[in-house]
Amino acid sequence: MKWLFLIFLLFITELSYSQSGLTRQYQFNYLSLNPALAGENGSFGLKGILGNQFNGTIRPNQVSQIVAIDGQLYNNSGLSFQGFRSNVGNLISTGITLGYAKGFELGDATIKFGVNTGIFVQPNVITVAGKQRVSPYAGLGILFKYQNAWLGVSNPVAFYSKRITESRPLFINLGYLYNAVDGLDLHANVLGGVATNQKMFDVNVKAWLFERLCLGASYRMRDIGLTTSNENLIPFVEVKVSRTINLGLSYDSNYGRNELNSPVAQNQNGVFQLLFRYNSSGAEQEKGQSEIF
């Protein structure tokens, strides 16, 4: 039994990733920002996101790895799992998150409440001695949807049992879906965040062509402390290659520099995020369902 337990711990460590890496790649996984989004994709599906520098090779453990599974349960409820690992400035952090969301119909509107809990396994940057510590944490979020608009407020790391190096930002996300013409859906949302001596403001846009090809970009602005600021543009593309499989690619030219949720201010230029997404049902997504993430 002891050997089985040790193998289980090793398995969790390899599948996990750090909260900063998780939220940094939200262009493919808005679930990392708000646990109330669990189940918004409909039936259960799996996402794998690999962050890799362009250096002629693809190493699975190079920058960041994300595994996300979520799906809709009965009565407007949803369940989610996220595992993450991130290497920022050679400081490796890992973690897992479990989430649950419950929705309620209010006439033409829907309100959902979400909670998540998990653990960080992170380096002790105070001693910088290579030691790691485990920090349990919990978060919460709310999502309000009316017709083609939504508003989300969340704090995915609101409560924690030990001092952690991660910032604990409050996120506010406001978005809208516009069905321009047949075969063209336009999506836009703004994301604001605030943490201790830090703030952020993002503008995200994307367009789905015939529900097969998605083109988009995320423009991000960060103010760190009193004197440091950063702006960045992350383009991305996603293609539905079959009824069950989507592939995506984004490029972050300024990955890890002064991120709102990063424990250190490091820079790893030229990081690609590669997305693999599997939808279990294979059915077409309903309008307004997967528009947030």
C-alpha atoms as a PDB file:
ATOM      1  CA  MET A   1       0.000   0.000   0.000  1.00  0.00           C
ATOM      2  CA  LYS A   2       2.864   2.391   0.772  1.00  0.00           C
ATOM      3  CA  TRP A   3       4.319   1.858  -2.701  1.00  0.00           C
ATOM      4  CA  LEU A   4       0.912   2.502  -4.295  1.00  0.00           C
ATOM      5  CA  PHE A   5       0.596   5.719  -2.295  1.00  0.00           C
ATOM      6  CA  LEU A   6       4.067   6.893  -3.372  1.00  0.00           C
ATOM      7  CA  ILE A   7       3.296   6.109  -7.012  1.00  0.00           C
ATOM      8  CA  PHE A   8       0.050   8.091  -6.709  1.00  0.00           C
ATOM      9  CA  LEU A   9       1.911  11.111  -5.318  1.00  0.00           C
ATOM     10  CA  LEU A  10       4.445  10.968  -8.149  1.00  0.00           C
ATOM     11  CA  PHE A  11       1.618  10.733 -10.686  1.00  0.00           C
ATOM     12  CA  ILE A  12      -0.112  13.806  -9.273  1.00  0.00           C
ATOM     13  CA  THR A  13       3.154  15.755  -9.247  1.00  0.00           C
ATOM     14  CA  GLU A  14       3.851  15.023 -12.903  1.00  0.00           C
ATOM     15  CA  LEU A  15       0.318  15.990 -13.965  1.00  0.00           C
ATOM     16  CA  SER A  16       0.220  19.210 -12.040  1.00  0.00           C
ATOM     17  CA  TYR A  17       1.210  22.799 -12.861  1.00  0.00           C
ATOM     18  CA  SER A  18       1.496  26.153 -11.042  1.00  0.00           C
ATOM     19  CA  GLN A  19      -1.355  28.595 -10.594  1.00  0.00           C
ATOM     20  CA  SER A  20       0.601  31.350 -12.344  1.00  0.00           C
ATOM     21  CA  GLY A  21       1.147  29.191 -15.415  1.00  0.00           C
ATOM     22  CA  LEU A  22      -2.481  28.124 -15.279  1.00  0.00           C
ATOM     23  CA  THR A  23      -3.943  31.621 -15.357  1.00  0.00           C
ATOM     24  CA  ARG A  24      -1.355  32.919 -17.831  1.00  0.00           C
ATOM     25  CA  GLN A  25      -2.676  30.563 -20.524  1.00  0.00           C
ATOM     26  CA  TYR A  26      -6.354  31.328 -19.960  1.00  0.00           C
ATOM     27  CA  GLN A  27      -6.899  32.105 -23.656  1.00  0.00           C
ATOM     28  CA  PHE A  28      -7.454  28.350 -24.003  1.00  0.00           C
ATOM     29  CA  ASN A  29      -8.821  27.684 -20.511  1.00  0.00           C
ATOM     30  CA  TYR A  30     -10.989  30.315 -18.802  1.00  0.00           C
ATOM     31  CA  LEU A  31     -11.812  27.720 -16.164  1.00  0.00           C
ATOM     32  CA  SER A  32      -8.513  28.672 -14.509  1.00  0.00           C
ATOM     33  CA  LEU A  33      -9.973  32.103 -13.698  1.00  0.00           C
ATOM     34  CA  ASN A  34     -13.422  31.177 -12.392  1.00  0.00           C
ATOM     35  CA  PRO A  35     -14.631  27.845 -10.921  1.00  0.00           C
ATOM     36  CA  ALA A  36     -18.217  28.822 -11.798  1.00  0.00           C
ATOM     37  CA  LEU A  37     -17.381  28.049 -15.451  1.00  0.00           C
ATOM     38  CA  ALA A  38     -17.305  24.292 -14.758  1.00  0.00           C
ATOM     39  CA  GLY A  39     -19.715  22.626 -17.186  1.00  0.00           C
ATOM     40  CA  GLU A  40     -20.030  25.579 -19.586  1.00  0.00           C
ATOM     41  CA  ASN A  41     -18.657  23.426 -22.410  1.00  0.00           C
ATOM     42  CA  GLY A  42     -21.551  20.987 -22.104  1.00  0.00           C
ATOM     43  CA  SER A  43     -20.596  17.309 -22.018  1.00  0.00           C
ATOM     44  CA  PHE A  44     -17.320  16.201 -20.453  1.00  0.00           C
ATOM     45  CA  GLY A  45     -14.165  16.992 -22.349  1.00  0.00           C
ATOM     46  CA  LEU A  46     -10.400  17.079 -21.880  1.00  0.00           C
ATOM     47  CA  LYS A  47      -7.844  19.776 -22.648  1.00  0.00           C
ATOM     48  CA  GLY A  48      -4.091  19.435 -22.758  1.00  0.00           C
ATOM     49  CA  ILE A  49      -2.022  22.649 -23.069  1.00  0.00           C
ATOM     50  CA  LEU A  50       1.737  22.601 -23.524  1.00  0.00           C
ATOM     51  CA  GLY A  51       3.869  25.746 -23.226  1.00  0.00           C
ATOM     52  CA  ASN A  52       7.123  25.416 -25.161  1.00  0.00           C
ATOM     53  CA  GLN A  53       9.875  27.767 -26.267  1.00  0.00           C
ATOM     54  CA  PHE A  54      10.806  27.833 -29.931  1.00  0.00           C
ATOM     55  CA  ASN A  55      14.260  26.265 -29.895  1.00  0.00           C
ATOM     56  CA  GLY A  56      13.938  23.508 -32.508  1.00  0.00           C
ATOM     57  CA  THR A  57      12.656  20.854 -30.103  1.00  0.00           C
ATOM     58  CA  ILE A  58       9.427  20.066 -28.246  1.00  0.00           C
ATOM     59  CA  ARG A  59      10.106  18.968 -24.683  1.00  0.00           C
ATOM     60  CA  PRO A  60       6.948  18.180 -22.686  1.00  0.00           C
ATOM     61  CA  ASN A  61       8.454  19.517 -19.445  1.00  0.00           C
ATOM     62  CA  GLN A  62      10.014  22.705 -20.818  1.00  0.00           C
ATOM     63  CA  VAL A  63       7.842  25.652 -19.659  1.00  0.00           C
ATOM     64  CA  SER A  64       4.339  24.652 -18.605  1.00  0.00           C
ATOM     65  CA  GLN A  65       1.846  21.822 -18.848  1.00  0.00           C
ATOM     66  CA  ILE A  66      -1.894  21.900 -18.176  1.00  0.00           C
ATOM     67  CA  VAL A  67      -4.505  19.152 -18.025  1.00  0.00           C
ATOM     68  CA  ALA A  68      -8.125  20.277 -17.623  1.00  0.00           C
ATOM     69  CA  ILE A  69     -11.246  18.096 -17.517  1.00  0.00           C
ATOM     70  CA  ASP A  70     -14.728  19.480 -17.006  1.00  0.00           C
ATOM     71  CA  GLY A  71     -18.296  18.703 -17.907  1.00  0.00           C
ATOM     72  CA  GLN A  72     -21.935  19.386 -17.222  1.00  0.00           C
ATOM     73  CA  LEU A  73     -23.918  17.376 -14.690  1.00  0.00           C
ATOM     74  CA  TYR A  74     -27.678  17.404 -14.131  1.00  0.00           C
ATOM     75  CA  ASN A  75     -29.621  20.496 -12.967  1.00  0.00           C
ATOM     76  CA  ASN A  76     -27.199  23.135 -14.309  1.00  0.00           C
ATOM     77  CA  SER A  77     -24.253  21.827 -12.311  1.00  0.00           C
ATOM     78  CA  GLY A  78     -20.690  21.147 -13.428  1.00  0.00           C
ATOM     79  CA  LEU A  79     -17.567  19.348 -12.253  1.00  0.00           C
ATOM     80  CA  SER A  80     -13.935  20.125 -13.091  1.00  0.00           C
ATOM     81  CA  PHE A  81     -10.355  18.963 -12.544  1.00  0.00           C
ATOM     82  CA  GLN A  82      -7.184  20.868 -13.398  1.00  0.00           C
ATOM     83  CA  GLY A  83      -3.584  19.757 -13.031  1.00  0.00           C
ATOM     84  CA  PHE A  84      -0.680  22.070 -13.770  1.00  0.00           C
ATOM     85  CA  ARG A  85       3.089  22.439 -13.762  1.00  0.00           C
ATOM     86  CA  SER A  86       5.082  25.596 -14.519  1.00  0.00           C
ATOM     87  CA  ASN A  87       8.770  26.472 -14.800  1.00  0.00           C
ATOM     88  CA  VAL A  88       9.264  30.222 -14.324  1.00  0.00           C
ATOM     89  CA  GLY A  89      12.864  31.337 -13.970  1.00  0.00           C
ATOM     90  CA  ASN A  90      13.857  27.727 -13.142  1.00  0.00           C
ATOM     91  CA  LEU A  91      11.440  27.753 -10.185  1.00  0.00           C
ATOM     92  CA  ILE A  92       9.149  24.760 -10.687  1.00  0.00           C
ATOM     93  CA  SER A  93       5.654  24.857  -9.181  1.00  0.00           C
ATOM     94  CA  THR A  94       2.927  22.241  -9.468  1.00  0.00           C
ATOM     95  CA  GLY A  95      -0.646  21.854  -8.291  1.00  0.00           C
ATOM     96  CA  ILE A  96      -4.084  20.335  -8.711  1.00  0.00           C
ATOM     97  CA  THR A  97      -7.544  21.876  -8.490  1.00  0.00           C
ATOM     98  CA  LEU A  98     -11.006  20.309  -8.130  1.00  0.00           C
ATOM     99  CA  GLY A  99     -14.078  22.455  -8.797  1.00  0.00           C
ATOM    100  CA  TYR A 100     -17.867  22.321  -8.639  1.00  0.00           C
ATOM    101  CA  ALA A 101     -20.451  24.764  -9.996  1.00  0.00           C
ATOM    102  CA  LYS A 102     -24.224  25.001  -9.558  1.00  0.00           C
ATOM    103  CA  GLY A 103     -26.536  27.133 -11.696  1.00  0.00           C
ATOM    104  CA  PHE A 104     -30.007  28.554 -11.130  1.00  0.00           C
ATOM    105  CA  GLU A 105     -32.475  29.818 -13.743  1.00  0.00           C
ATOM    106  CA  LEU A 106     -33.821  33.351 -13.192  1.00  0.00           C
ATOM    107  CA  GLY A 107     -36.262  33.776 -16.054  1.00  0.00           C
ATOM    108  CA  ASP A 108     -34.144  34.440 -19.154  1.00  0.00           C
ATOM    109  CA  ALA A 109     -31.007  34.724 -17.027  1.00  0.00           C
ATOM    110  CA  THR A 110     -28.796  32.164 -15.296  1.00  0.00           C
ATOM    111  CA  ILE A 111     -26.641  32.596 -12.230  1.00  0.00           C
ATOM    112  CA  LYS A 112     -23.957  30.060 -11.305  1.00  0.00           C
ATOM    113  CA  PHE A 113     -21.891  29.703  -8.153  1.00  0.00           C
ATOM    114  CA  GLY A 114     -18.598  27.823  -8.156  1.00  0.00           C
ATOM    115  CA  VAL A 115     -16.045  26.639  -5.615  1.00  0.00           C
ATOM    116  CA  ASN A 116     -12.658  25.018  -6.056  1.00  0.00           C
ATOM    117  CA  THR A 117     -10.063  23.485  -3.780  1.00  0.00           C
ATOM    118  CA  GLY A 118      -6.591  22.130  -4.367  1.00  0.00           C
ATOM    119  CA  ILE A 119      -2.933  22.171  -3.411  1.00  0.00           C
ATOM    120  CA  PHE A 120       0.205  24.005  -4.507  1.00  0.00           C
ATOM    121  CA  VAL A 121       3.559  22.255  -4.458  1.00  0.00           C
ATOM    122  CA  GLN A 122       5.870  25.213  -4.837  1.00  0.00           C
ATOM    123  CA  PRO A 123       9.499  26.180  -4.234  1.00  0.00           C
ATOM    124  CA  ASN A 124      10.326  28.132  -1.124  1.00  0.00           C
ATOM    125  CA  VAL A 125      11.600  31.312  -2.782  1.00  0.00           C
ATOM    126  CA  ILE A 126      12.400  32.859   0.595  1.00  0.00           C
ATOM    127  CA  THR A 127      15.220  30.437   1.288  1.00  0.00           C
ATOM    128  CA  VAL A 128      15.906  29.618  -2.391  1.00  0.00           C
ATOM    129  CA  ALA A 129      17.281  26.331  -1.162  1.00  0.00           C
ATOM    130  CA  GLY A 130      15.450  24.061  -3.571  1.00  0.00           C
ATOM    131  CA  LYS A 131      12.985  23.047  -0.891  1.00  0.00           C
ATOM    132  CA  GLN A 132       9.295  22.702  -1.675  1.00  0.00           C
ATOM    133  CA  ARG A 133       6.212  23.008   0.446  1.00  0.00           C
ATOM    134  CA  VAL A 134       2.608  21.921   0.033  1.00  0.00           C
ATOM    135  CA  SER A 135      -0.057  24.601   0.501  1.00  0.00           C
ATOM    136  CA  PRO A 136      -3.776  23.712   0.400  1.00  0.00           C
ATOM    137  CA  TYR A 137      -6.045  26.446  -0.926  1.00  0.00           C
ATOM    138  CA  ALA A 138      -9.646  27.146  -1.944  1.00  0.00           C
ATOM    139  CA  GLY A 139     -11.418  29.686  -4.138  1.00  0.00           C
ATOM    140  CA  LEU A 140     -14.845  30.755  -5.328  1.00  0.00           C
ATOM    141  CA  GLY A 141     -16.573  32.471  -8.204  1.00  0.00           C
ATOM    142  CA  ILE A 142     -19.893  33.583  -9.599  1.00  0.00           C
ATOM    143  CA  LEU A 143     -21.148  33.772 -13.200  1.00  0.00           C
ATOM    144  CA  PHE A 144     -24.197  35.693 -14.413  1.00  0.00           C
ATOM    145  CA  LYS A 145     -25.474  35.061 -17.960  1.00  0.00           C
ATOM    146  CA  TYR A 146     -28.235  36.904 -19.795  1.00  0.00           C
ATOM    147  CA  GLN A 147     -28.885  36.144 -23.447  1.00  0.00           C
ATOM    148  CA  ASN A 148     -25.500  36.647 -25.174  1.00  0.00           C
ATOM    149  CA  ALA A 149     -23.768  38.503 -22.336  1.00  0.00           C
ATOM    150  CA  TRP A 150     -21.991  37.287 -19.198  1.00  0.00           C
ATOM    151  CA  LEU A 151     -20.363  38.684 -16.091  1.00  0.00           C
ATOM    152  CA  GLY A 152     -17.973  36.720 -13.892  1.00  0.00           C
ATOM    153  CA  VAL A 153     -16.409  37.637 -10.538  1.00  0.00           C
ATOM    154  CA  SER A 154     -13.948  35.248  -8.925  1.00  0.00           C
ATOM    155  CA  ASN A 155     -10.982  34.670  -6.668  1.00  0.00           C
ATOM    156  CA  PRO A 156      -9.564  31.181  -7.374  1.00  0.00           C
ATOM    157  CA  VAL A 157      -7.080  31.404  -4.483  1.00  0.00           C
ATOM    158  CA  ALA A 158      -9.189  33.203  -1.876  1.00  0.00           C
ATOM    159  CA  PHE A 159      -8.316  30.982   1.106  1.00  0.00           C
ATOM    160  CA  TYR A 160      -5.102  29.147   1.914  1.00  0.00           C
ATOM    161  CA  SER A 161      -3.641  27.330   4.918  1.00  0.00           C
ATOM    162  CA  LYS A 162      -0.019  28.426   4.531  1.00  0.00           C
ATOM    163  CA  ARG A 163       1.810  31.458   3.213  1.00  0.00           C
ATOM    164  CA  ILE A 164       2.127  31.051  -0.545  1.00  0.00           C
ATOM    165  CA  THR A 165       4.222  32.978  -3.054  1.00  0.00           C
ATOM    166  CA  GLU A 166       1.366  33.232  -5.564  1.00  0.00           C
ATOM    167  CA  SER A 167      -0.658  36.427  -5.717  1.00  0.00           C
ATOM    168  CA  ARG A 168      -4.343  35.996  -4.939  1.00  0.00           C
ATOM    169  CA  PRO A 169      -6.073  38.272  -7.439  1.00  0.00           C
ATOM    170  CA  LEU A 170      -9.732  39.173  -7.709  1.00  0.00           C
ATOM    171  CA  PHE A 171     -10.889  38.737 -11.334  1.00  0.00           C
ATOM    172  CA  ILE A 172     -13.801  40.505 -13.046  1.00  0.00           C
ATOM    173  CA  ASN A 173     -14.710  39.249 -16.525  1.00  0.00           C
ATOM    174  CA  LEU A 174     -17.349  40.843 -18.789  1.00  0.00           C
ATOM    175  CA  GLY A 175     -18.105  39.465 -22.235  1.00  0.00           C
ATOM    176  CA  TYR A 176     -20.541  39.350 -25.138  1.00  0.00           C
ATOM    177  CA  LEU A 177     -21.254  37.040 -28.086  1.00  0.00           C
ATOM    178  CA  TYR A 178     -22.424  38.576 -31.358  1.00  0.00           C
ATOM    179  CA  ASN A 179     -23.850  36.407 -34.126  1.00  0.00           C
ATOM    180  CA  ALA A 180     -22.845  38.696 -36.980  1.00  0.00           C
ATOM    181  CA  VAL A 181     -24.000  36.627 -39.953  1.00  0.00           C
ATOM    182  CA  ASP A 182     -24.496  32.952 -40.722  1.00  0.00           C
ATOM    183  CA  GLY A 183     -21.149  31.241 -40.297  1.00  0.00           C
ATOM    184  CA  LEU A 184     -19.528  34.069 -38.329  1.00  0.00           C
ATOM    185  CA  ASP A 185     -19.656  34.449 -34.533  1.00  0.00           C
ATOM    186  CA  LEU A 186     -17.767  37.270 -32.833  1.00  0.00           C
ATOM    187  CA  HIS A 187     -16.766  37.078 -29.161  1.00  0.00           C
ATOM    188  CA  ALA A 188     -15.292  39.833 -27.041  1.00  0.00           C
ATOM    189  CA  ASN A 189     -14.559  40.111 -23.337  1.00  0.00           C
ATOM    190  CA  VAL A 190     -12.573  42.270 -20.965  1.00  0.00           C
ATOM    191  CA  LEU A 191     -10.808  40.920 -17.903  1.00  0.00           C
ATOM    192  CA  GLY A 192      -9.720  43.000 -14.944  1.00  0.00           C
ATOM    193  CA  GLY A 193      -7.732  41.835 -11.967  1.00  0.00           C
ATOM    194  CA  VAL A 194      -6.260  43.310  -8.822  1.00  0.00           C
ATOM    195  CA  ALA A 195      -3.850  41.938  -6.230  1.00  0.00           C
ATOM    196  CA  THR A 196      -1.492  43.479  -3.674  1.00  0.00           C
ATOM    197  CA  ASN A 197       0.351  46.349  -5.426  1.00  0.00           C
ATOM    198  CA  GLN A 198      -0.657  44.859  -8.788  1.00  0.00           C
ATOM    199  CA  LYS A 199      -3.415  45.302 -11.333  1.00  0.00           C
ATOM    200  CA  MET A 200      -4.246  44.073 -14.805  1.00  0.00           C
ATOM    201  CA  PHE A 201      -6.591  44.805 -17.694  1.00  0.00           C
ATOM    202  CA  ASP A 202      -7.029  42.508 -20.707  1.00  0.00           C
ATOM    203  CA  VAL A 203      -9.043  42.714 -23.917  1.00  0.00           C
ATOM    204  CA  ASN A 204      -9.824  39.388 -25.618  1.00  0.00           C
ATOM    205  CA  VAL A 205     -11.465  38.962 -29.027  1.00  0.00           C
ATOM    206  CA  LYS A 206     -12.072  35.963 -31.255  1.00  0.00           C
ATOM    207  CA  ALA A 207     -14.087  35.010 -34.322  1.00  0.00           C
ATOM    208  CA  TRP A 208     -15.458  31.557 -35.157  1.00  0.00           C
ATOM    209  CA  LEU A 209     -15.863  30.864 -38.881  1.00  0.00           C
ATOM    210  CA  PHE A 210     -18.500  28.226 -39.661  1.00  0.00           C
ATOM    211  CA  GLU A 211     -17.814  26.703 -36.213  1.00  0.00           C
ATOM    212  CA  ARG A 212     -14.604  25.227 -37.630  1.00  0.00           C
ATOM    213  CA  LEU A 213     -11.882  27.897 -37.498  1.00  0.00           C
ATOM    214  CA  CYS A 214     -11.279  30.359 -34.667  1.00  0.00           C
ATOM    215  CA  LEU A 215      -8.965  33.378 -34.908  1.00  0.00           C
ATOM    216  CA  GLY A 216      -8.321  35.593 -31.911  1.00  0.00           C
ATOM    217  CA  ALA A 217      -5.987  37.691 -29.812  1.00  0.00           C
ATOM    218  CA  SER A 218      -5.489  38.652 -26.179  1.00  0.00           C
ATOM    219  CA  TYR A 219      -4.113  42.129 -25.429  1.00  0.00           C
ATOM    220  CA  ARG A 220      -2.789  42.289 -21.857  1.00  0.00           C
ATOM    221  CA  MET A 221      -1.692  45.212 -19.723  1.00  0.00           C
ATOM    222  CA  ARG A 222       0.011  44.806 -16.337  1.00  0.00           C
ATOM    223  CA  ASP A 223       1.031  47.311 -13.670  1.00  0.00           C
ATOM    224  CA  ILE A 224       3.392  45.761 -11.122  1.00  0.00           C
ATOM    225  CA  GLY A 225       4.172  47.842  -8.057  1.00  0.00           C
ATOM    226  CA  LEU A 226       4.617  51.587  -8.470  1.00  0.00           C
ATOM    227  CA  THR A 227       7.103  51.795 -11.335  1.00  0.00           C
ATOM    228  CA  THR A 228       6.890  48.663 -13.509  1.00  0.00           C
ATOM    229  CA  SER A 229       4.363  48.033 -16.295  1.00  0.00           C
ATOM    230  CA  ASN A 230       4.054  45.627 -19.180  1.00  0.00           C
ATOM    231  CA  GLU A 231       1.926  45.210 -22.317  1.00  0.00           C
ATOM    232  CA  ASN A 232       1.651  42.126 -24.467  1.00  0.00           C
ATOM    233  CA  LEU A 233      -0.335  40.776 -27.431  1.00  0.00           C
ATOM    234  CA  ILE A 234      -1.019  37.034 -27.688  1.00  0.00           C
ATOM    235  CA  PRO A 235      -2.506  35.850 -31.014  1.00  0.00           C
ATOM    236  CA  PHE A 236      -4.113  32.412 -31.183  1.00  0.00           C
ATOM    237  CA  VAL A 237      -5.878  30.061 -33.574  1.00  0.00           C
ATOM    238  CA  GLU A 238      -8.067  27.016 -32.961  1.00  0.00           C
ATOM    239  CA  VAL A 239      -9.268  24.475 -35.524  1.00  0.00           C
ATOM    240  CA  LYS A 240     -11.976  21.840 -35.174  1.00  0.00           C
ATOM    241  CA  VAL A 241     -10.378  18.943 -37.036  1.00  0.00           C
ATOM    242  CA  SER A 242     -13.131  16.396 -36.300  1.00  0.00           C
ATOM    243  CA  ARG A 243     -16.387  16.054 -34.396  1.00  0.00           C
ATOM    244  CA  THR A 244     -14.482  15.350 -31.183  1.00  0.00           C
ATOM    245  CA  ILE A 245     -11.045  16.980 -31.553  1.00  0.00           C
ATOM    246  CA  ASN A 246      -9.860  20.606 -31.607  1.00  0.00           C
ATOM    247  CA  LEU A 247      -6.269  21.758 -32.045  1.00  0.00           C
ATOM    248  CA  GLY A 248      -4.983  25.211 -31.127  1.00  0.00           C
ATOM    249  CA  LEU A 249      -1.846  27.324 -31.135  1.00  0.00           C
ATOM    250  CA  SER A 250      -0.989  30.649 -29.471  1.00  0.00           C
ATOM    251  CA  TYR A 251       2.226  32.644 -29.168  1.00  0.00           C
ATOM    252  CA  ASP A 252       3.347  34.668 -26.148  1.00  0.00           C
ATOM    253  CA  SER A 253       6.363  36.825 -27.032  1.00  0.00           C
ATOM    254  CA  ASN A 254       6.781  38.010 -23.432  1.00  0.00           C
ATOM    255  CA  TYR A 255       5.934  34.986 -21.323  1.00  0.00           C
ATOM    256  CA  GLY A 256       6.491  35.327 -17.598  1.00  0.00           C
ATOM    257  CA  ARG A 257       7.676  38.923 -17.383  1.00  0.00           C
ATOM    258  CA  ASN A 258       6.010  40.711 -14.451  1.00  0.00           C
ATOM    259  CA  GLU A 259       2.824  38.651 -14.658  1.00  0.00           C
ATOM    260  CA  LEU A 260       0.119  39.567 -12.159  1.00  0.00           C
ATOM    261  CA  ASN A 261       0.010  36.072 -10.712  1.00  0.00           C
ATOM    262  CA  SER A 262       3.699  35.147 -10.980  1.00  0.00           C
ATOM    263  CA  PRO A 263       5.915  34.685  -7.904  1.00  0.00           C
ATOM    264  CA  VAL A 264       8.952  36.066  -9.749  1.00  0.00           C
ATOM    265  CA  ALA A 265       9.522  38.531 -12.571  1.00  0.00           C
ATOM    266  CA  GLN A 266      11.291  36.454 -15.226  1.00  0.00           C
ATOM    267  CA  ASN A 267      11.197  36.436 -18.993  1.00  0.00           C
ATOM    268  CA  GLN A 268      11.112  33.433 -21.329  1.00  0.00           C
ATOM    269  CA  ASN A 269      10.832  34.841 -24.830  1.00  0.00           C
ATOM    270  CA  GLY A 270       8.939  33.110 -27.598  1.00  0.00           C
ATOM    271  CA  VAL A 271       6.659  30.613 -25.860  1.00  0.00           C
ATOM    272  CA  PHE A 272       4.103  28.714 -27.909  1.00  0.00           C
ATOM    273  CA  GLN A 273       1.019  27.248 -26.263  1.00  0.00           C
ATOM    274  CA  LEU A 274      -0.183  24.088 -27.991  1.00  0.00           C
ATOM    275  CA  LEU A 275      -3.780  22.999 -27.360  1.00  0.00           C
ATOM    276  CA  PHE A 276      -5.343  19.563 -27.722  1.00  0.00           C
ATOM    277  CA  ARG A 277      -9.049  19.380 -26.872  1.00  0.00           C
ATOM    278  CA  TYR A 278     -11.287  16.313 -26.852  1.00  0.00           C
ATOM    279  CA  ASN A 279     -15.077  16.617 -26.565  1.00  0.00           C
ATOM    280  CA  SER A 280     -16.625  13.343 -25.416  1.00  0.00           C
ATOM    281  CA  SER A 281     -20.023  13.722 -27.101  1.00  0.00           C
ATOM    282  CA  GLY A 282     -18.760  14.844 -30.488  1.00  0.00           C
ATOM    283  CA  ALA A 283     -21.845  16.996 -30.863  1.00  0.00           C
ATOM    284  CA  GLU A 284     -21.810  20.588 -32.054  1.00  0.00           C
ATOM    285  CA  GLN A 285     -21.701  23.095 -29.214  1.00  0.00           C
ATOM    286  CA  GLU A 286     -24.879  25.002 -28.540  1.00  0.00           C
ATOM    287  CA  LYS A 287     -24.876  28.741 -29.200  1.00  0.00           C
ATOM    288  CA  GLY A 288     -23.684  30.701 -26.192  1.00  0.00           C
ATOM    289  CA  GLN A 289     -22.374  27.637 -24.370  1.00  0.00           C
ATOM    290  CA  SER A 290     -18.645  27.423 -25.063  1.00  0.00           C
ATOM    291  CA  GLU A 291     -18.312  31.106 -25.885  1.00  0.00           C
ATOM    292  CA  ILE A 292     -16.538  32.045 -22.666  1.00  0.00           C
ATOM    293  CA  PHE A 293     -13.742  29.528 -22.980  1.00  0.00           C
END
